């Protein structure tokens, strides 16, 4: 799937050095993002009633372990076809998840510990 996009004249990747420079700058900011070995689509939106929704879609042929960078002291509820619903209390800035096909994460910042 990725080759259909990346092997066209309309798509070019920056040099490895520039990629690492960008990732290092992003790491120092509180930006929600995915760290994975294989492609993962991340889609975010905020809902007034139940916080931030994070949709994750795995574009790899097998399930993979991913890291989700989120704000410290968050409560994340992971909803997926495999494990239905699972709540995690995150005290660092990274949640590690098994992503098979897709998951929906509901994120709430736990202000009580900030």
Protein backbone atom coordinates (compact mmCIF):
# COMPACT_ATOMS: atom_id res chain seq x y z
CA UNK A 1 0.00 0.00 0.00
CA UNK A 2 2.71 2.47 0.99
CA UNK A 3 4.62 1.82 -2.25
CA UNK A 4 1.60 2.95 -4.29
CA UNK A 5 2.06 6.40 -2.77
CA UNK A 6 5.79 6.61 -2.11
CA UNK A 7 6.95 5.36 -5.51
CA UNK A 8 5.31 8.10 -7.55
CA UNK A 9 6.85 11.34 -8.82
CA UNK A 10 4.43 13.26 -6.56
CA UNK A 11 5.95 11.96 -3.32
CA UNK A 12 9.48 12.51 -2.04
CA UNK A 13 10.94 11.89 1.38
CA UNK A 14 13.42 14.28 2.98
CA UNK A 15 16.92 12.99 3.68
CA UNK A 16 17.44 10.69 6.70
CA UNK A 17 19.32 13.46 8.48
CA UNK A 18 16.43 15.92 8.01
CA UNK A 19 13.87 13.27 9.09
CA UNK A 20 15.78 12.70 12.35
CA UNK A 21 16.11 16.44 12.93
CA UNK A 22 12.33 16.90 12.53
CA UNK A 23 11.52 13.95 14.82
CA UNK A 24 13.88 15.27 17.53
CA UNK A 25 12.14 18.65 17.43
CA UNK A 26 8.69 17.05 17.56
CA UNK A 27 9.74 14.86 20.53
CA UNK A 28 10.27 17.94 22.68
CA UNK A 29 6.72 19.17 22.11
CA UNK A 30 3.48 17.84 23.55
CA UNK A 31 2.12 16.54 20.26
CA UNK A 32 0.02 13.39 20.14
CA UNK A 33 1.66 11.00 17.70
CA UNK A 34 2.37 7.34 16.95
CA UNK A 35 5.76 5.65 16.96
CA UNK A 36 5.69 2.37 15.03
CA UNK A 37 7.79 0.14 12.80
CA UNK A 38 5.13 0.01 10.09
CA UNK A 39 2.56 2.56 8.79
CA UNK A 40 -0.26 3.62 11.13
CA UNK A 41 -2.90 6.22 10.33
CA UNK A 42 -3.78 8.52 13.22
CA UNK A 43 -6.85 10.75 13.19
CA UNK A 44 -7.73 13.12 16.07
CA UNK A 45 -10.77 15.13 17.00
CA UNK A 46 -12.11 16.75 20.13
CA UNK A 47 -15.60 16.09 21.42
CA UNK A 48 -17.12 18.42 24.02
CA UNK A 49 -18.78 15.60 25.97
CA UNK A 50 -16.05 12.96 26.25
CA UNK A 51 -12.68 14.54 25.40
CA UNK A 52 -10.23 13.73 22.65
CA UNK A 53 -10.82 10.83 20.25
CA UNK A 54 -7.81 9.15 18.66
CA UNK A 55 -8.49 6.72 15.79
CA UNK A 56 -5.62 4.39 14.90
CA UNK A 57 -5.59 2.22 11.76
CA UNK A 58 -2.86 -0.36 11.19
CA UNK A 59 -1.64 -0.50 7.58
CA UNK A 60 0.69 -3.44 8.25
CA UNK A 61 -0.30 -7.00 7.31
CA UNK A 62 0.10 -8.23 10.92
CA UNK A 63 -0.68 -6.73 14.31
CA UNK A 64 2.09 -4.58 15.71
CA UNK A 65 3.10 -2.99 18.96
CA UNK A 66 2.95 0.79 18.79
CA UNK A 67 3.78 3.64 21.14
CA UNK A 68 1.28 6.45 21.46
CA UNK A 69 2.82 9.73 22.65
CA UNK A 70 0.27 11.52 24.83
CA UNK A 71 0.35 14.09 27.65
CA UNK A 72 1.58 12.89 31.06
CA UNK A 73 -0.98 11.74 33.64
CA UNK A 74 -3.64 10.81 31.12
CA UNK A 75 -6.43 8.30 31.28
CA UNK A 76 -6.90 6.49 28.00
CA UNK A 77 -9.72 4.09 27.17
CA UNK A 78 -8.84 1.83 24.25
CA UNK A 79 -11.73 0.35 22.28
CA UNK A 80 -10.89 -2.32 19.74
CA UNK A 81 -12.57 -5.35 18.17
CA UNK A 82 -10.08 -7.70 19.86
CA UNK A 83 -10.31 -6.63 23.50
CA UNK A 84 -13.50 -4.59 23.49
CA UNK A 85 -12.67 -1.84 26.03
CA UNK A 86 -9.55 -1.39 28.15
CA UNK A 87 -8.72 1.58 30.41
CA UNK A 88 -5.13 2.62 31.05
CA UNK A 89 -3.78 5.22 33.48
CA UNK A 90 -0.64 6.70 31.91
CA UNK A 91 1.91 8.31 34.25
CA UNK A 92 4.57 8.89 31.59
CA UNK A 93 4.17 10.41 28.13
CA UNK A 94 3.92 7.08 26.26
CA UNK A 95 1.30 4.33 26.09
CA UNK A 96 2.26 1.02 24.50
CA UNK A 97 -0.54 -0.76 22.63
CA UNK A 98 -1.01 -3.86 20.49
CA UNK A 99 -2.68 -2.61 17.31
CA UNK A 100 -4.28 -5.26 15.11
CA UNK A 101 -6.73 -3.74 12.63
CA UNK A 102 -7.83 -0.55 14.36
CA UNK A 103 -8.46 0.99 17.77
CA UNK A 104 -10.30 4.03 19.04
CA UNK A 105 -8.75 5.73 22.05
CA UNK A 106 -10.63 8.15 24.27
CA UNK A 107 -8.16 10.44 26.03
CA UNK A 108 -8.72 12.45 29.18
CA UNK A 109 -6.02 14.41 30.96
CA UNK A 110 -6.07 13.55 34.66
CA UNK A 111 -5.86 17.10 36.11
CA UNK A 112 -5.86 15.73 39.66
CA UNK A 113 -2.21 14.65 39.27
CA UNK A 114 -0.89 17.62 37.25
